[in-house]
Protein backbone atom coordinates (compact mmCIF):
# COMPACT_ATOMS: atom_id res chain seq x y z
CA MET A 1 -4.65 24.48 -10.87
CA LEU A 2 -1.62 26.72 -11.11
CA ARG A 3 -3.88 29.74 -11.49
CA GLU A 4 -6.10 28.91 -9.45
CA ALA A 5 -3.86 28.16 -6.46
CA ALA A 6 -2.51 31.84 -7.25
CA LEU A 7 -5.91 33.29 -6.94
CA LEU A 8 -6.44 31.31 -3.64
CA ALA A 9 -3.17 32.50 -1.95
CA GLY A 10 -5.28 36.04 -1.30
CA PRO A 11 -3.96 39.60 -0.80
CA GLU A 12 -1.64 38.36 2.23
CA CYS A 13 0.86 37.86 -0.49
CA HIS A 14 3.10 40.84 -0.64
CA THR A 15 6.51 39.62 -2.54
CA PRO A 16 7.24 36.98 -5.13
CA GLY A 17 8.52 34.79 -2.32
CA ASP A 18 5.12 35.22 -0.55
CA LEU A 19 3.29 34.17 -3.80
CA PHE A 20 5.56 31.18 -4.22
CA ARG A 21 5.11 29.47 -0.73
CA ALA A 22 1.56 30.08 -1.33
CA ILE A 23 1.13 28.66 -3.79
CA ARG A 24 3.48 25.86 -3.60
CA GLY A 25 1.40 25.16 0.21
CA THR A 26 -1.86 25.19 -1.62
CA ILE A 27 -0.69 22.14 -4.87
CA THR A 28 1.69 19.80 -2.07
CA GLN A 29 -0.58 20.66 1.29
CA PRO A 30 -4.04 20.80 -0.16
CA GLU A 31 -6.88 20.76 2.02
CA MET A 32 -8.87 17.07 2.92
CA PRO A 33 -12.47 17.22 3.01
CA GLN A 34 -13.13 15.94 6.93
CA GLU A 35 -15.65 13.03 6.27
CA GLY A 36 -16.52 10.94 3.03
CA ASP A 37 -14.97 7.61 1.67
CA PHE A 38 -11.59 8.82 0.78
CA VAL A 39 -8.06 7.83 1.59
CA ARG A 40 -5.89 10.86 2.68
CA VAL A 41 -2.03 10.60 2.01
CA MET A 42 -0.29 13.45 3.95
CA SER A 43 2.66 14.85 5.40
CA LEU A 44 2.89 14.36 9.45
CA HIS A 45 2.44 18.07 9.79
CA LYS A 46 -1.24 18.12 8.17
CA SER A 47 -2.53 15.13 10.20
CA LYS A 48 -2.85 17.89 13.19
CA GLY A 49 -6.33 18.17 14.43
CA LEU A 50 -7.50 15.17 11.90
CA THR A 51 -8.79 11.28 13.39
CA SER A 52 -9.34 8.57 11.16
CA ARG A 53 -10.12 5.19 11.47
CA VAL A 54 -6.93 4.03 10.38
CA VAL A 55 -3.36 5.66 10.21
CA ILE A 56 -0.37 4.39 8.61
CA VAL A 57 2.93 6.10 8.98
CA ALA A 58 5.18 4.82 6.67
CA GLY A 59 8.30 5.11 6.26
CA CYS A 60 9.64 5.15 10.12
CA ILE A 61 13.24 5.24 9.02
CA ARG A 62 16.08 7.59 10.42
CA GLY A 63 16.50 10.00 7.91
CA LEU A 64 12.68 10.04 7.00
CA ILE A 65 11.38 10.10 10.50
CA LEU A 66 12.95 11.64 11.76
CA PHE A 67 14.50 14.13 9.02
CA GLU A 68 18.34 15.10 9.89
CA ASP A 69 20.12 17.68 9.17
CA ARG A 70 24.03 17.58 9.46
CA ASP A 71 24.26 21.07 8.26
CA GLU A 72 22.14 22.54 11.38
CA THR A 73 24.01 23.11 14.68
CA GLU A 74 23.79 21.13 18.04
CA ASP A 75 21.29 23.46 19.22
CA GLU A 76 19.41 23.92 16.10
CA GLN A 77 19.26 19.68 15.23
CA ALA A 78 18.01 19.26 19.09
CA ALA A 79 15.11 21.88 18.22
CA ILE A 80 14.35 20.02 14.87
CA LEU A 81 14.46 16.45 17.02
CA LEU A 82 11.70 17.93 19.48
CA GLU A 83 9.65 19.89 16.56
CA GLN A 84 9.70 16.12 14.93
CA ARG A 85 8.85 14.24 17.90
CA ARG A 86 5.98 16.06 18.34
CA LEU A 87 4.63 15.87 14.94
CA PHE A 88 5.27 11.83 15.30
CA TYR A 89 3.40 11.77 18.23
CA VAL A 90 0.39 13.60 16.68
CA ALA A 91 0.67 11.57 13.95
CA ILE A 92 0.19 8.28 15.98
CA THR A 93 -2.78 9.53 18.45
CA ARG A 94 -4.68 10.13 15.11
CA CYS A 95 -6.32 7.03 14.96
CA THR A 96 -9.29 5.63 16.00
CA GLU A 97 -9.21 1.62 15.42
CA ILE A 98 -5.90 0.65 13.71
CA LEU A 99 -2.34 2.16 13.68
CA VAL A 100 -0.21 0.68 11.21
CA LEU A 101 3.74 1.84 11.98
CA SER A 102 5.50 0.36 8.43
CA SER A 103 9.00 0.72 7.78
CA ALA A 104 11.74 -1.28 4.83
CA LEU A 105 14.33 -3.47 6.90
CA ARG A 106 16.45 -2.61 3.39
CA LEU A 107 16.92 -0.25 0.59
CA GLN A 108 19.80 -0.62 -2.42
CA ARG A 109 22.32 1.60 -1.29
CA ASN A 110 21.73 4.73 -4.10
CA PHE A 111 18.24 4.89 -2.97
CA ALA A 112 18.67 5.23 0.34
CA PHE A 113 21.48 7.87 -0.39
CA ALA A 114 18.78 9.80 -2.93
CA ILE A 115 15.63 9.72 -0.02
CA GLY A 116 17.83 10.14 3.11
CA ALA A 117 17.74 7.02 4.35
CA ARG A 118 20.08 6.50 6.65
CA ILE A 119 21.29 2.90 6.20
CA GLN A 120 24.57 0.72 7.68
CA GLY A 121 26.82 -1.55 6.49
CA TRP A 122 27.93 -1.67 2.17
CA TRP A 123 25.92 -4.81 0.68
CA ASN A 124 23.42 -3.84 -1.49
CA PRO A 125 20.59 -3.76 -0.36
CA ALA A 126 21.74 -2.16 2.92
CA LYS A 127 20.44 -2.70 6.05
CA THR A 128 18.19 0.53 7.40
CA ILE A 129 18.19 1.99 10.56
CA ALA A 130 14.69 2.12 12.17
CA SER A 131 13.07 5.45 13.46
CA GLN A 132 14.66 6.15 16.89
CA PHE A 133 10.95 7.51 17.93
CA LEU A 134 9.56 3.55 17.72
CA ALA A 135 11.91 2.84 20.06
CA GLU A 136 10.68 5.44 22.40
CA LEU A 137 6.96 4.13 22.40
CA GLY A 138 7.65 2.39 25.29
CA PRO A 139 7.84 -1.11 26.50
CA GLN A 140 3.88 -1.54 26.13
CA ALA A 141 4.20 -1.08 22.46
CA PRO A 142 3.95 -4.69 20.16
CA GLN A 143 6.50 -5.94 19.45
CA PRO A 144 7.70 -5.12 15.92
CA LYS A 145 6.57 -8.22 13.15
CA ARG A 146 8.25 -8.95 10.34
CA ALA A 147 5.85 -9.39 7.28
CA ARG A 148 6.16 -11.66 4.92
CA SER A 149 6.73 -11.10 0.94
CA GLY A 150 3.09 -10.48 -0.58
CA ALA A 151 1.77 -10.82 3.12
CA PRO A 152 -0.77 -8.07 4.44
CA PRO A 153 0.82 -5.57 6.80
CA VAL A 154 1.08 -6.28 10.14
CA THR A 155 -1.59 -3.80 12.69
CA ILE A 156 -2.04 -2.67 16.42
CA ASN A 157 -5.56 -2.16 16.64
CA LYS A 158 -6.05 0.75 19.81
CA GLY A 159 -7.60 -0.65 22.51
C-alpha cells in the first residue's frame, strides 16, 4: 500500500516532505466512491461536495469539534475558529434525510486528556463540555436528547 501511495503522489512531489504529506494524505484520506452501499468514515474536511442519506457527526465536544490549540495567538485562534465553524456547517449540510449529532456526556479523565476533549470538574468520569457549535444551531434546532444505555441514537429527520 505504501508503494502504491508513493506512485500516486506523482511528479508534484519535489522534496521528501512533499512525498511524506502526499503519502499521509493518500492513506488517511483516501478518495471515496460516489455511489454504492457502503459507509464513509471521514473527517469534516473530506465531506465537502458529498451528500449522503444519513450523516452522523460524532464527538461534538469542545476540544474535538472545535479543536483548540492554546499555543496559537488570539488572531490565529480566531481564524481557526472560523474555519472549523465552516467545516462543521459543511458536515451538517451533507445529509439528505437524517442528521445525527452525537457526543458523550462523560469521559474517563485520562482518556479525555489524551484526545484533547475539554472537561469540567475533578471527578471521574468527568463531565464533557459540548461543542459551542451545537448552541449556534439556533432556536429552531431540536432539543438535545439523552440516549438510554443500549438505546439507538436519537436522530433528527430533515424536513
